Amino acid sequence: MHLFATSKDILFIVLAASSAFLTFFFCWMLFYLIMSFHQVYKMTKDARQIVDDAGKTVRLFKEKVENSASYLLLIGEGMKKIIEFMKEREEKKESKNS
């Protein structure tokens, strides 16, 4: 019994080898496609984390500025009172000296 009895046998062997090669190629291509999607998923996740961290930093900076602004208003009012007090004191000294 020979392996290649007719040309039909050769055709079937070639078709079987071709389908095996195509199956291997599609599996290999599918593996790389899935790995590419996985890397895109990781990059998207990392980018989302960076954006979230940047948002948290901006919110923290905004809160610090708002808190500092309220303290600066109080300090400004205090400085205004001190300056007014010093002016009144100088005016009293000048009026006594005159």
PDB file of N, CA and C in Angstrom:
ATOM      1  N   MET A   1       0.841  -1.176   0.000  1.00  0.00           N
ATOM      2  CA  MET A   1       0.000   0.000   0.000  1.00  0.00           C
ATOM      3  C   MET A   1       0.883   1.234   0.000  1.00  0.00           C
ATOM      4  N   HIS A   2       0.684   2.056  -0.988  1.00  0.00           N
ATOM      5  CA  HIS A   2       1.463   3.277  -1.124  1.00  0.00           C
ATOM      6  C   HIS A   2       0.720   4.456  -0.516  1.00  0.00           C
ATOM      7  N   LEU A   3       1.515   5.444  -0.102  1.00  0.00           N
ATOM      8  CA  LEU A   3       0.925   6.644   0.491  1.00  0.00           C
ATOM      9  C   LEU A   3       0.229   7.478  -0.573  1.00  0.00           C
ATOM     10  N   PHE A   4       0.819   7.552  -1.756  1.00  0.00           N
ATOM     11  CA  PHE A   4       0.245   8.349  -2.839  1.00  0.00           C
ATOM     12  C   PHE A   4      -0.214   7.411  -3.953  1.00  0.00           C
ATOM     13  N   ALA A   5      -1.408   6.920  -3.848  1.00  0.00           N
ATOM     14  CA  ALA A   5      -1.903   6.004  -4.868  1.00  0.00           C
ATOM     15  C   ALA A   5      -2.432   6.763  -6.068  1.00  0.00           C
ATOM     16  N   THR A   6      -3.147   7.845  -5.819  1.00  0.00           N
ATOM     17  CA  THR A   6      -3.709   8.630  -6.917  1.00  0.00           C
ATOM     18  C   THR A   6      -3.426  10.107  -6.684  1.00  0.00           C
ATOM     19  N   SER A   7      -3.732  10.904  -7.694  1.00  0.00           N
ATOM     20  CA  SER A   7      -3.551  12.354  -7.552  1.00  0.00           C
ATOM     21  C   SER A   7      -4.547  12.927  -6.541  1.00  0.00           C
ATOM     22  N   LYS A   8      -5.652  12.234  -6.355  1.00  0.00           N
ATOM     23  CA  LYS A   8      -6.641  12.652  -5.358  1.00  0.00           C
ATOM     24  C   LYS A   8      -6.048  12.542  -3.957  1.00  0.00           C
ATOM     25  N   ASP A   9      -5.263  11.519  -3.704  1.00  0.00           N
ATOM     26  CA  ASP A   9      -4.597  11.365  -2.405  1.00  0.00           C
ATOM     27  C   ASP A   9      -3.624  12.520  -2.154  1.00  0.00           C
ATOM     28  N   ILE A  10      -2.892  12.911  -3.191  1.00  0.00           N
ATOM     29  CA  ILE A  10      -1.958  14.041  -3.056  1.00  0.00           C
ATOM     30  C   ILE A  10      -2.734  15.318  -2.747  1.00  0.00           C
ATOM     31  N   LEU A  11      -3.872  15.507  -3.416  1.00  0.00           N
ATOM     32  CA  LEU A  11      -4.708  16.683  -3.170  1.00  0.00           C
ATOM     33  C   LEU A  11      -5.173  16.712  -1.716  1.00  0.00           C
ATOM     34  N   PHE A  12      -5.620  15.591  -1.205  1.00  0.00           N
ATOM     35  CA  PHE A  12      -6.095  15.551   0.184  1.00  0.00           C
ATOM     36  C   PHE A  12      -4.967  15.817   1.180  1.00  0.00           C
ATOM     37  N   ILE A  13      -3.774  15.296   0.903  1.00  0.00           N
ATOM     38  CA  ILE A  13      -2.631  15.539   1.792  1.00  0.00           C
ATOM     39  C   ILE A  13      -2.255  17.020   1.767  1.00  0.00           C
ATOM     40  N   VAL A  14      -2.252  17.624   0.576  1.00  0.00           N
ATOM     41  CA  VAL A  14      -1.937  19.051   0.460  1.00  0.00           C
ATOM     42  C   VAL A  14      -3.006  19.880   1.164  1.00  0.00           C
ATOM     43  N   LEU A  15      -4.263  19.526   0.995  1.00  0.00           N
ATOM     44  CA  LEU A  15      -5.347  20.247   1.679  1.00  0.00           C
ATOM     45  C   LEU A  15      -5.235  20.112   3.197  1.00  0.00           C
ATOM     46  N   ALA A  16      -4.890  18.943   3.678  1.00  0.00           N
ATOM     47  CA  ALA A  16      -4.734  18.739   5.121  1.00  0.00           C
ATOM     48  C   ALA A  16      -3.567  19.564   5.657  1.00  0.00           C
ATOM     49  N   ALA A  17      -2.452  19.563   4.936  1.00  0.00           N
ATOM     50  CA  ALA A  17      -1.293  20.350   5.373  1.00  0.00           C
ATOM     51  C   ALA A  17      -1.612  21.842   5.336  1.00  0.00           C
ATOM     52  N   SER A  18      -2.317  22.276   4.300  1.00  0.00           N
ATOM     53  CA  SER A  18      -2.682  23.693   4.193  1.00  0.00           C
ATOM     54  C   SER A  18      -3.626  24.108   5.312  1.00  0.00           C
ATOM     55  N   SER A  19      -4.595  23.269   5.608  1.00  0.00           N
ATOM     56  CA  SER A  19      -5.526  23.617   6.689  1.00  0.00           C
ATOM     57  C   SER A  19      -4.811  23.615   8.039  1.00  0.00           C
ATOM     58  N   ALA A  20      -3.849  22.711   8.222  1.00  0.00           N
ATOM     59  CA  ALA A  20      -3.070  22.712   9.465  1.00  0.00           C
ATOM     60  C   ALA A  20      -2.236  23.989   9.564  1.00  0.00           C
ATOM     61  N   PHE A  21      -1.622  24.396   8.465  1.00  0.00           N
ATOM     62  CA  PHE A  21      -0.829  25.625   8.454  1.00  0.00           C
ATOM     63  C   PHE A  21      -1.716  26.844   8.720  1.00  0.00           C
ATOM     64  N   LEU A  22      -2.871  26.915   8.067  1.00  0.00           N
ATOM     65  CA  LEU A  22      -3.790  28.038   8.282  1.00  0.00           C
ATOM     66  C   LEU A  22      -4.296  28.080   9.724  1.00  0.00           C
ATOM     67  N   THR A  23      -4.574  26.916  10.276  1.00  0.00           N
ATOM     68  CA  THR A  23      -5.022  26.861  11.672  1.00  0.00           C
ATOM     69  C   THR A  23      -3.936  27.386  12.598  1.00  0.00           C
ATOM     70  N   PHE A  24      -2.702  26.942  12.377  1.00  0.00           N
ATOM     71  CA  PHE A  24      -1.583  27.434  13.188  1.00  0.00           C
ATOM     72  C   PHE A  24      -1.418  28.941  13.021  1.00  0.00           C
ATOM     73  N   PHE A  25      -1.485  29.437  11.778  1.00  0.00           N
ATOM     74  CA  PHE A  25      -1.325  30.861  11.508  1.00  0.00           C
ATOM     75  C   PHE A  25      -2.426  31.673  12.185  1.00  0.00           C
ATOM     76  N   PHE A  26      -3.679  31.237  12.095  1.00  0.00           N
ATOM     77  CA  PHE A  26      -4.780  31.967  12.727  1.00  0.00           C
ATOM     78  C   PHE A  26      -4.671  31.946  14.249  1.00  0.00           C
ATOM     79  N   CYS A  27      -4.235  30.826  14.811  1.00  0.00           N
ATOM     80  CA  CYS A  27      -4.035  30.771  16.269  1.00  0.00           C
ATOM     81  C   CYS A  27      -2.925  31.727  16.696  1.00  0.00           C
ATOM     82  N   TRP A  28      -1.853  31.736  15.950  1.00  0.00           N
ATOM     83  CA  TRP A  28      -0.735  32.646  16.247  1.00  0.00           C
ATOM     84  C   TRP A  28      -1.182  34.098  16.133  1.00  0.00           C
ATOM     85  N   MET A  29      -1.929  34.428  15.068  1.00  0.00           N
ATOM     86  CA  MET A  29      -2.427  35.778  14.861  1.00  0.00           C
ATOM     87  C   MET A  29      -3.409  36.170  15.975  1.00  0.00           C
ATOM     88  N   LEU A  30      -4.269  35.263  16.365  1.00  0.00           N
ATOM     89  CA  LEU A  30      -5.227  35.530  17.436  1.00  0.00           C
ATOM     90  C   LEU A  30      -4.509  35.774  18.761  1.00  0.00           C
ATOM     91  N   PHE A  31      -3.460  35.003  19.031  1.00  0.00           N
ATOM     92  CA  PHE A  31      -2.680  35.201  20.255  1.00  0.00           C
ATOM     93  C   PHE A  31      -2.083  36.608  20.295  1.00  0.00           C
ATOM     94  N   TYR A  32      -1.458  37.036  19.197  1.00  0.00           N
ATOM     95  CA  TYR A  32      -0.853  38.370  19.170  1.00  0.00           C
ATOM     96  C   TYR A  32      -1.908  39.470  19.223  1.00  0.00           C
ATOM     97  N   LEU A  33      -3.053  39.241  18.633  1.00  0.00           N
ATOM     98  CA  LEU A  33      -4.140  40.212  18.703  1.00  0.00           C
ATOM     99  C   LEU A  33      -4.635  40.364  20.139  1.00  0.00           C
ATOM    100  N   ILE A  34      -4.803  39.251  20.826  1.00  0.00           N
ATOM    101  CA  ILE A  34      -5.236  39.296  22.227  1.00  0.00           C
ATOM    102  C   ILE A  34      -4.181  39.974  23.089  1.00  0.00           C
ATOM    103  N   MET A  35      -2.912  39.676  22.854  1.00  0.00           N
ATOM    104  CA  MET A  35      -1.847  40.324  23.628  1.00  0.00           C
ATOM    105  C   MET A  35      -1.813  41.828  23.357  1.00  0.00           C
ATOM    106  N   SER A  36      -2.064  42.231  22.128  1.00  0.00           N
ATOM    107  CA  SER A  36      -2.110  43.666  21.804  1.00  0.00           C
ATOM    108  C   SER A  36      -3.262  44.340  22.528  1.00  0.00           C
ATOM    109  N   PHE A  37      -4.430  43.702  22.541  1.00  0.00           N
ATOM    110  CA  PHE A  37      -5.568  44.261  23.276  1.00  0.00           C
ATOM    111  C   PHE A  37      -5.268  44.348  24.764  1.00  0.00           C
ATOM    112  N   HIS A  38      -4.555  43.364  25.277  1.00  0.00           N
ATOM    113  CA  HIS A  38      -4.194  43.381  26.699  1.00  0.00           C
ATOM    114  C   HIS A  38      -3.268  44.562  27.004  1.00  0.00           C
ATOM    115  N   GLN A  39      -2.313  44.813  26.131  1.00  0.00           N
ATOM    116  CA  GLN A  39      -1.407  45.951  26.331  1.00  0.00           C
ATOM    117  C   GLN A  39      -2.158  47.272  26.221  1.00  0.00           C
ATOM    118  N   VAL A  40      -3.097  47.370  25.297  1.00  0.00           N
ATOM    119  CA  VAL A  40      -3.911  48.589  25.178  1.00  0.00           C
ATOM    120  C   VAL A  40      -4.728  48.783  26.450  1.00  0.00           C
ATOM    121  N   TYR A  41      -5.267  47.702  26.987  1.00  0.00           N
ATOM    122  CA  TYR A  41      -6.025  47.781  28.233  1.00  0.00           C
ATOM    123  C   TYR A  41      -5.142  48.293  29.373  1.00  0.00           C
ATOM    124  N   LYS A  42      -3.922  47.765  29.473  1.00  0.00           N
ATOM    125  CA  LYS A  42      -3.001  48.216  30.526  1.00  0.00           C
ATOM    126  C   LYS A  42      -2.659  49.690  30.357  1.00  0.00           C
ATOM    127  N   MET A  43      -2.384  50.110  29.120  1.00  0.00           N
ATOM    128  CA  MET A  43      -2.044  51.512  28.878  1.00  0.00           C
ATOM    129  C   MET A  43      -3.219  52.421  29.222  1.00  0.00           C
ATOM    130  N   THR A  44      -4.424  52.008  28.870  1.00  0.00           N
ATOM    131  CA  THR A  44      -5.608  52.800  29.187  1.00  0.00           C
ATOM    132  C   THR A  44      -5.800  52.885  30.694  1.00  0.00           C
ATOM    133  N   LYS A  45      -5.582  51.785  31.374  1.00  0.00           N
ATOM    134  CA  LYS A  45      -5.713  51.767  32.833  1.00  0.00           C
ATOM    135  C   LYS A  45      -4.681  52.696  33.470  1.00  0.00           C
ATOM    136  N   ASP A  46      -3.437  52.638  32.992  1.00  0.00           N
ATOM    137  CA  ASP A  46      -2.387  53.517  33.519  1.00  0.00           C
ATOM    138  C   ASP A  46      -2.694  54.983  33.226  1.00  0.00           C
ATOM    139  N   ALA A  47      -3.175  55.267  32.024  1.00  0.00           N
ATOM    140  CA  ALA A  47      -3.515  56.653  31.666  1.00  0.00           C
ATOM    141  C   ALA A  47      -4.651  57.161  32.537  1.00  0.00           C
ATOM    142  N   ARG A  48      -5.638  56.313  32.784  1.00  0.00           N
ATOM    143  CA  ARG A  48      -6.754  56.698  33.648  1.00  0.00           C
ATOM    144  C   ARG A  48      -6.254  56.983  35.060  1.00  0.00           C
ATOM    145  N   GLN A  49      -5.321  56.188  35.552  1.00  0.00           N
ATOM    146  CA  GLN A  49      -4.755  56.400  36.888  1.00  0.00           C
ATOM    147  C   GLN A  49      -4.004  57.728  36.947  1.00  0.00           C
ATOM    148  N   ILE A  50      -3.248  58.039  35.901  1.00  0.00           N
ATOM    149  CA  ILE A  50      -2.502  59.302  35.860  1.00  0.00           C
ATOM    150  C   ILE A  50      -3.461  60.483  35.858  1.00  0.00           C
ATOM    151  N   VAL A  51      -4.534  60.385  35.070  1.00  0.00           N
ATOM    152  CA  VAL A  51      -5.519  61.471  35.025  1.00  0.00           C
ATOM    153  C   VAL A  51      -6.203  61.626  36.380  1.00  0.00           C
ATOM    154  N   ASP A  52      -6.538  60.507  37.024  1.00  0.00           N
ATOM    155  CA  ASP A  52      -7.149  60.579  38.354  1.00  0.00           C
ATOM    156  C   ASP A  52      -6.205  61.222  39.360  1.00  0.00           C
ATOM    157  N   ASP A  53      -4.930  60.842  39.316  1.00  0.00           N
ATOM    158  CA  ASP A  53      -3.945  61.436  40.228  1.00  0.00           C
ATOM    159  C   ASP A  53      -3.791  62.931  39.972  1.00  0.00           C
ATOM    160  N   ALA A  54      -3.786  63.320  38.703  1.00  0.00           N
ATOM    161  CA  ALA A  54      -3.679  64.746  38.370  1.00  0.00           C
ATOM    162  C   ALA A  54      -4.904  65.499  38.883  1.00  0.00           C
ATOM    163  N   GLY A  55      -6.079  64.899  38.751  1.00  0.00           N
ATOM    164  CA  GLY A  55      -7.301  65.518  39.259  1.00  0.00           C
ATOM    165  C   GLY A  55      -7.261  65.684  40.768  1.00  0.00           C
ATOM    166  N   LYS A  56      -6.758  64.661  41.457  1.00  0.00           N
ATOM    167  CA  LYS A  56      -6.634  64.753  42.918  1.00  0.00           C
ATOM    168  C   LYS A  56      -5.660  65.854  43.304  1.00  0.00           C
ATOM    169  N   THR A  57      -4.561  65.962  42.571  1.00  0.00           N
ATOM    170  CA  THR A  57      -3.564  67.004  42.858  1.00  0.00           C
ATOM    171  C   THR A  57      -4.163  68.391  42.647  1.00  0.00           C
ATOM    172  N   VAL A  58      -4.916  68.562  41.579  1.00  0.00           N
ATOM    173  CA  VAL A  58      -5.543  69.860  41.312  1.00  0.00           C
ATOM    174  C   VAL A  58      -6.548  70.198  42.409  1.00  0.00           C
ATOM    175  N   ARG A  59      -7.350  69.205  42.810  1.00  0.00           N
ATOM    176  CA  ARG A  59      -8.319  69.449  43.893  1.00  0.00           C
ATOM    177  C   ARG A  59      -7.615  69.807  45.189  1.00  0.00           C
ATOM    178  N   LEU A  60      -6.527  69.112  45.504  1.00  0.00           N
ATOM    179  CA  LEU A  60      -5.772  69.401  46.721  1.00  0.00           C
ATOM    180  C   LEU A  60      -5.184  70.804  46.664  1.00  0.00           C
ATOM    181  N   PHE A  61      -4.627  71.181  45.525  1.00  0.00           N
ATOM    182  CA  PHE A  61      -4.062  72.525  45.358  1.00  0.00           C
ATOM    183  C   PHE A  61      -5.153  73.581  45.502  1.00  0.00           C
ATOM    184  N   LYS A  62      -6.314  73.312  44.929  1.00  0.00           N
ATOM    185  CA  LYS A  62      -7.438  74.249  45.021  1.00  0.00           C
ATOM    186  C   LYS A  62      -7.863  74.427  46.475  1.00  0.00           C
ATOM    187  N   GLU A  63      -7.951  73.334  47.215  1.00  0.00           N
ATOM    188  CA  GLU A  63      -8.318  73.421  48.631  1.00  0.00           C
ATOM    189  C   GLU A  63      -7.277  74.210  49.415  1.00  0.00           C
ATOM    190  N   LYS A  64      -6.005  73.967  49.129  1.00  0.00           N
ATOM    191  CA  LYS A  64      -4.941  74.701  49.830  1.00  0.00           C
ATOM    192  C   LYS A  64      -5.047  76.195  49.540  1.00  0.00           C
ATOM    193  N   VAL A  65      -5.292  76.541  48.282  1.00  0.00           N
ATOM    194  CA  VAL A  65      -5.400  77.953  47.911  1.00  0.00           C
ATOM    195  C   VAL A  65      -6.615  78.586  48.575  1.00  0.00           C
ATOM    196  N   GLU A  66      -7.736  77.867  48.594  1.00  0.00           N
ATOM    197  CA  GLU A  66      -8.938  78.408  49.234  1.00  0.00           C
ATOM    198  C   GLU A  66      -8.711  78.627  50.725  1.00  0.00           C
ATOM    199  N   ASN A  67      -8.075  77.673  51.388  1.00  0.00           N
ATOM    200  CA  ASN A  67      -7.794  77.824  52.816  1.00  0.00           C
ATOM    201  C   ASN A  67      -6.813  78.967  53.052  1.00  0.00           C
ATOM    202  N   SER A  68      -5.806  79.062  52.205  1.00  0.00           N
ATOM    203  CA  SER A  68      -4.821  80.136  52.341  1.00  0.00           C
ATOM    204  C   SER A  68      -5.472  81.489  52.082  1.00  0.00           C
ATOM    205  N   ALA A  69      -6.384  81.547  51.141  1.00  0.00           N
ATOM    206  CA  ALA A  69      -7.056  82.807  50.824  1.00  0.00           C
ATOM    207  C   ALA A  69      -7.869  83.290  52.015  1.00  0.00           C
ATOM    208  N   SER A  70      -8.519  82.389  52.716  1.00  0.00           N
ATOM    209  CA  SER A  70      -9.295  82.813  53.887  1.00  0.00           C
ATOM    210  C   SER A  70      -8.360  83.322  54.983  1.00  0.00           C
ATOM    211  N   TYR A  71      -7.212  82.696  55.144  1.00  0.00           N
ATOM    212  CA  TYR A  71      -6.245  83.178  56.138  1.00  0.00           C
ATOM    213  C   TYR A  71      -5.636  84.511  55.709  1.00  0.00           C
ATOM    214  N   LEU A  72      -5.383  84.669  54.424  1.00  0.00           N
ATOM    215  CA  LEU A  72      -4.822  85.926  53.934  1.00  0.00           C
ATOM    216  C   LEU A  72      -5.792  87.078  54.150  1.00  0.00           C
ATOM    217  N   LEU A  73      -7.071  86.827  54.013  1.00  0.00           N
ATOM    218  CA  LEU A  73      -8.070  87.862  54.266  1.00  0.00           C
ATOM    219  C   LEU A  73      -8.011  88.293  55.727  1.00  0.00           C
ATOM    220  N   LEU A  74      -7.913  87.319  56.628  1.00  0.00           N
ATOM    221  CA  LEU A  74      -7.814  87.649  58.054  1.00  0.00           C
ATOM    222  C   LEU A  74      -6.522  88.408  58.353  1.00  0.00           C
ATOM    223  N   ILE A  75      -5.431  87.971  57.765  1.00  0.00           N
ATOM    224  CA  ILE A  75      -4.145  88.650  57.982  1.00  0.00           C
ATOM    225  C   ILE A  75      -4.203  90.068  57.422  1.00  0.00           C
ATOM    226  N   GLY A  76      -4.816  90.239  56.261  1.00  0.00           N
ATOM    227  CA  GLY A  76      -4.959  91.563  55.663  1.00  0.00           C
ATOM    228  C   GLY A  76      -5.776  92.492  56.544  1.00  0.00           C
ATOM    229  N   GLU A  77      -6.863  91.985  57.092  1.00  0.00           N
ATOM    230  CA  GLU A  77      -7.687  92.797  57.999  1.00  0.00           C
ATOM    231  C   GLU A  77      -6.888  93.175  59.240  1.00  0.00           C
ATOM    232  N   GLY A  78      -6.132  92.237  59.767  1.00  0.00           N
ATOM    233  CA  GLY A  78      -5.300  92.518  60.945  1.00  0.00           C
ATOM    234  C   GLY A  78      -4.255  93.582  60.642  1.00  0.00           C
ATOM    235  N   MET A  79      -3.611  93.465  59.477  1.00  0.00           N
ATOM    236  CA  MET A  79      -2.606  94.461  59.095  1.00  0.00           C
ATOM    237  C   MET A  79      -3.244  95.838  58.926  1.00  0.00           C
ATOM    238  N   LYS A  80      -4.444  95.872  58.367  1.00  0.00           N
ATOM    239  CA  LYS A  80      -5.146  97.143  58.190  1.00  0.00           C
ATOM    240  C   LYS A  80      -5.421  97.788  59.551  1.00  0.00           C
ATOM    241  N   LYS A  81      -5.851  96.994  60.514  1.00  0.00           N
ATOM    242  CA  LYS A  81      -6.121  97.510  61.868  1.00  0.00           C
ATOM    243  C   LYS A  81      -4.832  98.029  62.508  1.00  0.00           C
ATOM    244  N   ILE A  82      -3.732  97.292  62.334  1.00  0.00           N
ATOM    245  CA  ILE A  82      -2.453  97.722  62.915  1.00  0.00           C
ATOM    246  C   ILE A  82      -2.013  99.041  62.289  1.00  0.00           C
ATOM    247  N   ILE A  83      -2.142  99.170  60.971  1.00  0.00           N
ATOM    248  CA  ILE A  83      -1.751 100.410  60.293  1.00  0.00           C
ATOM    249  C   ILE A  83      -2.620 101.569  60.758  1.00  0.00           C
ATOM    250  N   GLU A  84      -3.920 101.341  60.887  1.00  0.00           N
ATOM    251  CA  GLU A  84      -4.814 102.395  61.381  1.00  0.00           C
ATOM    252  C   GLU A  84      -4.428 102.801  62.798  1.00  0.00           C
ATOM    253  N   PHE A  85      -4.127 101.825  63.630  1.00  0.00           N
ATOM    254  CA  PHE A  85      -3.729 102.111  65.011  1.00  0.00           C
ATOM    255  C   PHE A  85      -2.446 102.937  65.042  1.00  0.00           C
ATOM    256  N   MET A  86      -1.467 102.570  64.191  1.00  0.00           N
ATOM    257  CA  MET A  86      -0.200 103.304  64.149  1.00  0.00           C
ATOM    258  C   MET A  86      -0.414 104.735  63.649  1.00  0.00           C
ATOM    259  N   LYS A  87      -1.292 104.924  62.662  1.00  0.00           N
ATOM    260  CA  LYS A  87      -1.582 106.271  62.164  1.00  0.00           C
ATOM    261  C   LYS A  87      -2.229 107.121  63.254  1.00  0.00           C
ATOM    262  N   GLU A  88      -3.186 106.541  63.957  1.00  0.00           N
ATOM    263  CA  GLU A  88      -3.839 107.275  65.046  1.00  0.00           C
ATOM    264  C   GLU A  88      -2.822 107.643  66.117  1.00  0.00           C
ATOM    265  N   ARG A  89      -1.923 106.760  66.410  1.00  0.00           N
ATOM    266  CA  ARG A  89      -0.904 107.007  67.430  1.00  0.00           C
ATOM    267  C   ARG A  89       0.021 108.149  66.995  1.00  0.00           C
ATOM    268  N   GLU A  90       0.408 108.131  65.700  1.00  0.00           N
ATOM    269  CA  GLU A  90       1.259 109.205  65.183  1.00  0.00           C
ATOM    270  C   GLU A  90       0.529 110.543  65.219  1.00  0.00           C
ATOM    271  N   GLU A  91      -0.755 110.515  64.857  1.00  0.00           N
ATOM    272  CA  GLU A  91      -1.532 111.750  64.872  1.00  0.00           C
ATOM    273  C   GLU A  91      -1.640 112.307  66.288  1.00  0.00           C
ATOM    274  N   LYS A  92      -1.790 111.427  67.261  1.00  0.00           N
ATOM    275  CA  LYS A  92      -1.869 111.875  68.655  1.00  0.00           C
ATOM    276  C   LYS A  92      -0.537 112.478  69.087  1.00  0.00           C
ATOM    277  N   LYS A  93       0.572 111.858  68.680  1.00  0.00           N
ATOM    278  CA  LYS A  93       1.898 112.389  69.029  1.00  0.00           C
ATOM    279  C   LYS A  93       2.108 113.756  68.387  1.00  0.00           C
ATOM    280  N   GLU A  94       1.700 113.889  67.119  1.00  0.00           N
ATOM    281  CA  GLU A  94       1.868 115.165  66.427  1.00  0.00           C
ATOM    282  C   GLU A  94       0.993 116.248  67.044  1.00  0.00           C
ATOM    283  N   SER A  95      -0.207 115.869  67.443  1.00  0.00           N
ATOM    284  CA  SER A  95      -1.092 116.866  68.058  1.00  0.00           C
ATOM    285  C   SER A  95      -0.574 117.277  69.429  1.00  0.00           C
ATOM    286  N   LYS A  96       0.085 116.392  70.154  1.00  0.00           N
ATOM    287  CA  LYS A  96       0.669 116.724  71.456  1.00  0.00           C
ATOM    288  C   LYS A  96       1.885 117.624  71.271  1.00  0.00           C
ATOM    289  N   ASN A  97       2.675 117.358  70.235  1.00  0.00           N
ATOM    290  CA  ASN A  97       3.889 118.136  69.978  1.00  0.00           C
ATOM    291  C   ASN A  97       3.562 119.528  69.432  1.00  0.00           C
ATOM    292  N   SER A  98       2.434 119.727  68.862  1.00  0.00           N
ATOM    293  CA  SER A  98       2.107 121.037  68.299  1.00  0.00           C
ATOM    294  C   SER A  98       1.548 121.998  69.284  1.00  0.00           C
TER     295      SER A  98
END
